Amino acid sequence: MPVKNPGLIPLFDDLKAILSPYAAHFTVRRDEPGYYDLWSERDVVVEGRNRTEVFFAGLIIQKAYVGFYFMPIYAEAELATFFGPELLATLKGKSCFHIKHMTPETRAQIADALSRGYELYVKRGWV
């Protein structure tokens, strides 16, 4: 599938560099131009339901932004209280951030969110 906006590839690559260290702990299902995702593939119980997989985070180039999807917020809504104003300003819905440009503050807040989300998954036995 062609990338929707090739001009966003540098931003996508920057975000992917923040997510990539977590690939050692998760399964990368798709790693292609404009799309990257991380999954936990193990038998777990999520909200009383048996699951064989849990999505962690992903990126996709859209028309005017790079979508950063961060699923730990579904497991623990309190994680949102740790997001700084720069990252919160990009949140659309519950778990999708529309990233249009990267600042040092946004980069640090994304890195912190991923670290906290990973710790939550470890604590719950999901990874």
N, C-alpha and C. Protein backbone atom coordinates (compact mmCIF):
# COMPACT_ATOMS: atom_id res chain seq x y z
N MET A 1 0.85 -1.18 0.00
CA MET A 1 0.00 0.00 0.00
C MET A 1 0.90 1.24 0.00
N PRO A 2 0.66 2.17 -0.89
CA PRO A 2 1.51 3.37 -0.95
C PRO A 2 1.30 4.26 0.27
N VAL A 3 2.34 4.97 0.65
CA VAL A 3 2.28 5.90 1.77
C VAL A 3 1.38 7.07 1.37
N LYS A 4 0.46 7.44 2.28
CA LYS A 4 -0.51 8.49 1.98
C LYS A 4 0.14 9.86 1.80
N ASN A 5 1.20 10.13 2.58
CA ASN A 5 1.88 11.42 2.49
C ASN A 5 3.38 11.20 2.68
N PRO A 6 4.12 11.02 1.58
CA PRO A 6 5.55 10.76 1.68
C PRO A 6 6.32 11.85 2.45
N GLY A 7 5.79 13.06 2.51
CA GLY A 7 6.44 14.14 3.25
C GLY A 7 6.51 13.88 4.75
N LEU A 8 5.70 12.94 5.23
CA LEU A 8 5.68 12.61 6.66
C LEU A 8 6.62 11.46 7.02
N ILE A 9 7.33 10.92 6.04
CA ILE A 9 8.23 9.80 6.31
C ILE A 9 9.31 10.16 7.35
N PRO A 10 9.94 11.36 7.30
CA PRO A 10 10.93 11.67 8.35
C PRO A 10 10.32 11.69 9.75
N LEU A 11 9.11 12.21 9.90
CA LEU A 11 8.44 12.21 11.20
C LEU A 11 8.11 10.78 11.62
N PHE A 12 7.61 9.98 10.69
CA PHE A 12 7.32 8.58 10.96
C PHE A 12 8.59 7.87 11.44
N ASP A 13 9.70 8.08 10.73
CA ASP A 13 10.96 7.43 11.10
C ASP A 13 11.43 7.87 12.48
N ASP A 14 11.23 9.13 12.81
CA ASP A 14 11.59 9.64 14.13
C ASP A 14 10.77 8.95 15.22
N LEU A 15 9.47 8.84 15.00
CA LEU A 15 8.60 8.16 15.96
C LEU A 15 8.94 6.66 16.04
N LYS A 16 9.22 6.07 14.92
CA LYS A 16 9.56 4.65 14.91
C LYS A 16 10.83 4.39 15.72
N ALA A 17 11.77 5.31 15.68
CA ALA A 17 12.99 5.17 16.47
C ALA A 17 12.70 5.14 17.97
N ILE A 18 11.64 5.82 18.40
CA ILE A 18 11.24 5.82 19.81
C ILE A 18 10.58 4.49 20.17
N LEU A 19 9.79 3.93 19.25
CA LEU A 19 9.09 2.66 19.50
C LEU A 19 10.00 1.44 19.33
N SER A 20 10.95 1.51 18.43
CA SER A 20 11.75 0.34 18.05
C SER A 20 12.42 -0.40 19.21
N PRO A 21 12.92 0.26 20.23
CA PRO A 21 13.53 -0.50 21.33
C PRO A 21 12.58 -1.50 21.99
N TYR A 22 11.29 -1.25 21.90
CA TYR A 22 10.31 -2.15 22.51
C TYR A 22 10.07 -3.41 21.67
N ALA A 23 10.58 -3.42 20.45
CA ALA A 23 10.41 -4.60 19.59
C ALA A 23 11.08 -5.83 20.19
N ALA A 24 12.04 -5.63 21.07
CA ALA A 24 12.71 -6.76 21.73
C ALA A 24 11.75 -7.49 22.67
N HIS A 25 10.67 -6.83 23.08
CA HIS A 25 9.73 -7.39 24.05
C HIS A 25 8.38 -7.74 23.44
N PHE A 26 8.14 -7.29 22.23
CA PHE A 26 6.87 -7.49 21.55
C PHE A 26 7.11 -8.12 20.19
N THR A 27 6.03 -8.47 19.51
CA THR A 27 6.10 -8.96 18.14
C THR A 27 5.78 -7.80 17.21
N VAL A 28 6.63 -7.61 16.23
CA VAL A 28 6.37 -6.63 15.18
C VAL A 28 5.61 -7.36 14.09
N ARG A 29 4.36 -7.02 13.92
CA ARG A 29 3.55 -7.70 12.89
C ARG A 29 3.71 -7.06 11.54
N ARG A 30 3.76 -5.74 11.53
CA ARG A 30 3.94 -5.03 10.26
C ARG A 30 5.02 -3.98 10.45
N ASP A 31 5.98 -4.02 9.56
CA ASP A 31 7.05 -3.03 9.54
C ASP A 31 7.29 -2.72 8.07
N GLU A 32 6.61 -1.70 7.62
CA GLU A 32 6.69 -1.32 6.22
C GLU A 32 6.62 0.19 6.12
N PRO A 33 6.92 0.74 4.96
CA PRO A 33 6.86 2.20 4.85
C PRO A 33 5.48 2.74 5.25
N GLY A 34 5.47 3.57 6.25
CA GLY A 34 4.23 4.19 6.68
C GLY A 34 3.40 3.41 7.66
N TYR A 35 3.88 2.22 8.11
CA TYR A 35 3.10 1.42 9.06
C TYR A 35 4.04 0.59 9.93
N TYR A 36 3.82 0.63 11.23
CA TYR A 36 4.63 -0.12 12.18
C TYR A 36 3.78 -0.41 13.40
N ASP A 37 3.81 -1.67 13.88
CA ASP A 37 3.03 -1.97 15.08
C ASP A 37 3.72 -3.00 15.96
N LEU A 38 3.35 -2.99 17.24
CA LEU A 38 3.91 -3.88 18.25
C LEU A 38 2.78 -4.58 18.99
N TRP A 39 2.89 -5.90 19.11
CA TRP A 39 1.87 -6.73 19.74
C TRP A 39 2.49 -7.64 20.80
N SER A 40 1.75 -7.87 21.86
CA SER A 40 2.10 -8.92 22.81
C SER A 40 1.32 -10.15 22.37
N GLU A 41 2.04 -11.23 22.10
CA GLU A 41 1.37 -12.47 21.67
C GLU A 41 1.57 -13.52 22.75
N ARG A 42 0.66 -13.52 23.68
CA ARG A 42 0.68 -14.53 24.74
C ARG A 42 -0.73 -14.66 25.28
N ASP A 43 -0.97 -15.77 25.94
CA ASP A 43 -2.29 -16.00 26.53
C ASP A 43 -2.42 -15.12 27.78
N VAL A 44 -3.37 -14.21 27.73
CA VAL A 44 -3.59 -13.29 28.85
C VAL A 44 -5.09 -13.14 29.08
N VAL A 45 -5.42 -12.55 30.21
CA VAL A 45 -6.81 -12.21 30.51
C VAL A 45 -6.90 -10.69 30.56
N VAL A 46 -7.77 -10.14 29.74
CA VAL A 46 -7.98 -8.70 29.67
C VAL A 46 -9.44 -8.44 29.96
N GLU A 47 -9.71 -7.72 31.03
CA GLU A 47 -11.08 -7.41 31.45
C GLU A 47 -11.95 -8.67 31.49
N GLY A 48 -11.40 -9.72 32.08
CA GLY A 48 -12.14 -10.96 32.25
C GLY A 48 -12.24 -11.85 31.02
N ARG A 49 -11.63 -11.44 29.93
CA ARG A 49 -11.68 -12.22 28.69
C ARG A 49 -10.31 -12.81 28.37
N ASN A 50 -10.31 -14.05 27.94
CA ASN A 50 -9.07 -14.69 27.50
C ASN A 50 -8.69 -14.14 26.13
N ARG A 51 -7.44 -13.76 26.00
CA ARG A 51 -6.92 -13.23 24.74
C ARG A 51 -5.62 -13.92 24.41
N THR A 52 -5.28 -13.98 23.15
CA THR A 52 -4.00 -14.54 22.73
C THR A 52 -3.07 -13.45 22.23
N GLU A 53 -3.54 -12.21 22.28
CA GLU A 53 -2.74 -11.09 21.82
C GLU A 53 -3.26 -9.80 22.45
N VAL A 54 -2.36 -8.85 22.59
CA VAL A 54 -2.72 -7.52 23.08
C VAL A 54 -1.89 -6.51 22.30
N PHE A 55 -2.57 -5.56 21.69
CA PHE A 55 -1.87 -4.50 20.94
C PHE A 55 -1.20 -3.57 21.94
N PHE A 56 0.04 -3.16 21.63
CA PHE A 56 0.75 -2.22 22.49
C PHE A 56 0.77 -0.82 21.88
N ALA A 57 1.39 -0.68 20.73
CA ALA A 57 1.49 0.64 20.10
C ALA A 57 1.76 0.48 18.61
N GLY A 58 1.45 1.54 17.88
CA GLY A 58 1.69 1.49 16.44
C GLY A 58 1.71 2.87 15.83
N LEU A 59 2.17 2.90 14.60
CA LEU A 59 2.26 4.14 13.83
C LEU A 59 1.69 3.91 12.44
N ILE A 60 1.03 4.93 11.90
CA ILE A 60 0.59 4.87 10.51
C ILE A 60 0.56 6.29 9.95
N ILE A 61 1.12 6.42 8.76
CA ILE A 61 1.07 7.72 8.10
C ILE A 61 -0.32 7.91 7.51
N GLN A 62 -0.96 8.99 7.91
CA GLN A 62 -2.25 9.38 7.36
C GLN A 62 -2.04 10.56 6.41
N LYS A 63 -3.09 11.18 5.99
CA LYS A 63 -2.99 12.25 5.00
C LYS A 63 -2.24 13.48 5.53
N ALA A 64 -2.51 13.88 6.78
CA ALA A 64 -1.92 15.12 7.30
C ALA A 64 -1.17 14.94 8.61
N TYR A 65 -0.98 13.69 9.06
CA TYR A 65 -0.31 13.44 10.34
C TYR A 65 0.16 12.00 10.39
N VAL A 66 0.97 11.72 11.39
CA VAL A 66 1.32 10.34 11.68
C VAL A 66 0.49 9.94 12.89
N GLY A 67 -0.30 8.91 12.74
CA GLY A 67 -1.10 8.41 13.85
C GLY A 67 -0.24 7.57 14.77
N PHE A 68 -0.20 7.94 16.04
CA PHE A 68 0.49 7.17 17.07
C PHE A 68 -0.59 6.55 17.93
N TYR A 69 -0.72 5.23 17.85
CA TYR A 69 -1.76 4.51 18.57
C TYR A 69 -1.12 3.88 19.81
N PHE A 70 -1.68 4.17 20.97
CA PHE A 70 -1.10 3.78 22.25
C PHE A 70 -2.15 3.09 23.10
N MET A 71 -2.16 1.76 23.05
CA MET A 71 -3.21 0.99 23.71
C MET A 71 -3.13 0.88 25.22
N PRO A 72 -1.98 1.04 25.87
CA PRO A 72 -1.99 0.94 27.33
C PRO A 72 -2.98 1.88 28.02
N ILE A 73 -3.35 2.96 27.35
CA ILE A 73 -4.30 3.89 27.95
C ILE A 73 -5.68 3.25 28.13
N TYR A 74 -6.00 2.25 27.30
CA TYR A 74 -7.25 1.53 27.50
C TYR A 74 -7.21 0.69 28.77
N ALA A 75 -6.04 0.15 29.06
CA ALA A 75 -5.89 -0.70 30.25
C ALA A 75 -5.83 0.13 31.52
N GLU A 76 -5.31 1.34 31.42
CA GLU A 76 -5.14 2.19 32.60
C GLU A 76 -5.33 3.64 32.19
N ALA A 77 -6.56 4.13 32.32
CA ALA A 77 -6.88 5.49 31.90
C ALA A 77 -6.04 6.52 32.66
N GLU A 78 -5.57 6.17 33.84
CA GLU A 78 -4.76 7.10 34.64
C GLU A 78 -3.46 7.49 33.92
N LEU A 79 -3.01 6.69 32.97
CA LEU A 79 -1.81 7.03 32.22
C LEU A 79 -1.93 8.40 31.56
N ALA A 80 -3.13 8.77 31.17
CA ALA A 80 -3.34 10.06 30.51
C ALA A 80 -2.97 11.23 31.41
N THR A 81 -3.03 11.04 32.71
CA THR A 81 -2.68 12.13 33.63
C THR A 81 -1.19 12.43 33.58
N PHE A 82 -0.39 11.54 33.03
CA PHE A 82 1.05 11.77 32.94
C PHE A 82 1.45 12.46 31.64
N PHE A 83 0.53 12.57 30.69
CA PHE A 83 0.86 13.21 29.42
C PHE A 83 0.99 14.71 29.64
N GLY A 84 2.01 15.29 29.03
CA GLY A 84 2.18 16.73 29.09
C GLY A 84 1.24 17.42 28.12
N PRO A 85 1.16 18.74 28.21
CA PRO A 85 0.22 19.48 27.35
C PRO A 85 0.52 19.35 25.86
N GLU A 86 1.79 19.20 25.49
CA GLU A 86 2.13 19.07 24.07
C GLU A 86 1.55 17.78 23.50
N LEU A 87 1.69 16.69 24.23
CA LEU A 87 1.16 15.41 23.75
C LEU A 87 -0.36 15.38 23.85
N LEU A 88 -0.91 15.88 24.94
CA LEU A 88 -2.37 15.91 25.09
C LEU A 88 -3.05 16.69 23.97
N ALA A 89 -2.39 17.72 23.49
CA ALA A 89 -2.98 18.53 22.42
C ALA A 89 -3.15 17.73 21.13
N THR A 90 -2.43 16.63 20.99
CA THR A 90 -2.52 15.81 19.77
C THR A 90 -3.46 14.62 19.93
N LEU A 91 -3.99 14.41 21.12
CA LEU A 91 -4.86 13.25 21.38
C LEU A 91 -6.22 13.47 20.73
N LYS A 92 -6.60 12.51 19.90
CA LYS A 92 -7.90 12.54 19.23
C LYS A 92 -8.58 11.22 19.57
N GLY A 93 -9.63 11.26 20.32
CA GLY A 93 -10.24 10.04 20.80
C GLY A 93 -9.55 9.58 22.07
N LYS A 94 -9.56 8.28 22.31
CA LYS A 94 -9.01 7.78 23.56
C LYS A 94 -7.55 7.35 23.45
N SER A 95 -7.13 6.84 22.30
CA SER A 95 -5.78 6.29 22.22
C SER A 95 -5.00 6.67 20.96
N CYS A 96 -5.52 7.56 20.15
CA CYS A 96 -4.84 7.95 18.92
C CYS A 96 -4.35 9.39 19.01
N PHE A 97 -3.08 9.55 18.78
CA PHE A 97 -2.47 10.87 18.78
C PHE A 97 -2.16 11.24 17.33
N HIS A 98 -2.53 12.43 16.93
CA HIS A 98 -2.25 12.92 15.59
C HIS A 98 -0.99 13.77 15.67
N ILE A 99 0.14 13.20 15.33
CA ILE A 99 1.42 13.89 15.43
C ILE A 99 1.73 14.53 14.08
N LYS A 100 1.85 15.86 14.11
CA LYS A 100 2.13 16.60 12.87
C LYS A 100 3.56 17.10 12.81
N HIS A 101 4.18 17.26 13.96
CA HIS A 101 5.59 17.65 14.03
C HIS A 101 6.13 17.22 15.39
N MET A 102 7.44 17.13 15.47
CA MET A 102 8.07 16.66 16.70
C MET A 102 8.84 17.80 17.36
N THR A 103 8.57 17.99 18.63
CA THR A 103 9.35 18.91 19.44
C THR A 103 10.09 18.08 20.49
N PRO A 104 11.10 18.64 21.11
CA PRO A 104 11.76 17.88 22.18
C PRO A 104 10.79 17.49 23.30
N GLU A 105 9.82 18.35 23.59
CA GLU A 105 8.84 18.05 24.62
C GLU A 105 7.94 16.88 24.22
N THR A 106 7.48 16.91 22.99
CA THR A 106 6.62 15.83 22.50
C THR A 106 7.38 14.52 22.48
N ARG A 107 8.62 14.56 22.02
CA ARG A 107 9.45 13.36 21.98
C ARG A 107 9.60 12.77 23.38
N ALA A 108 9.92 13.62 24.35
CA ALA A 108 10.11 13.16 25.73
C ALA A 108 8.82 12.59 26.30
N GLN A 109 7.69 13.21 26.00
CA GLN A 109 6.41 12.75 26.53
C GLN A 109 5.99 11.41 25.90
N ILE A 110 6.28 11.22 24.62
CA ILE A 110 5.99 9.94 23.97
C ILE A 110 6.88 8.85 24.57
N ALA A 111 8.15 9.16 24.74
CA ALA A 111 9.08 8.18 25.35
C ALA A 111 8.63 7.81 26.75
N ASP A 112 8.18 8.79 27.52
CA ASP A 112 7.71 8.51 28.88
C ASP A 112 6.43 7.67 28.86
N ALA A 113 5.52 8.00 27.96
CA ALA A 113 4.27 7.22 27.85
C ALA A 113 4.58 5.77 27.50
N LEU A 114 5.48 5.54 26.56
CA LEU A 114 5.84 4.18 26.19
C LEU A 114 6.47 3.43 27.36
N SER A 115 7.33 4.10 28.10
CA SER A 115 7.95 3.47 29.26
C SER A 115 6.92 3.08 30.30
N ARG A 116 6.01 3.98 30.61
CA ARG A 116 4.96 3.70 31.59
C ARG A 116 4.01 2.61 31.09
N GLY A 117 3.68 2.65 29.81
CA GLY A 117 2.82 1.62 29.23
C GLY A 117 3.47 0.26 29.27
N TYR A 118 4.75 0.21 28.97
CA TYR A 118 5.48 -1.05 29.02
C TYR A 118 5.49 -1.59 30.46
N GLU A 119 5.77 -0.72 31.42
CA GLU A 119 5.77 -1.14 32.83
C GLU A 119 4.40 -1.70 33.23
N LEU A 120 3.33 -1.09 32.76
CA LEU A 120 1.98 -1.57 33.05
C LEU A 120 1.78 -2.96 32.45
N TYR A 121 2.18 -3.17 31.20
CA TYR A 121 2.03 -4.47 30.57
C TYR A 121 2.82 -5.54 31.32
N VAL A 122 4.03 -5.19 31.76
CA VAL A 122 4.85 -6.13 32.53
C VAL A 122 4.13 -6.47 33.84
N LYS A 123 3.66 -5.45 34.53
CA LYS A 123 2.98 -5.64 35.82
C LYS A 123 1.77 -6.56 35.67
N ARG A 124 1.06 -6.44 34.56
CA ARG A 124 -0.14 -7.25 34.34
C ARG A 124 0.17 -8.61 33.71
N GLY A 125 1.44 -8.85 33.40
CA GLY A 125 1.82 -10.12 32.82
C GLY A 125 1.47 -10.23 31.34
N TRP A 126 1.31 -9.12 30.69
CA TRP A 126 0.93 -9.11 29.28
C TRP A 126 2.15 -9.14 28.35
N VAL A 127 3.32 -9.04 28.91
CA VAL A 127 4.54 -9.12 28.12
C VAL A 127 5.61 -9.79 28.96
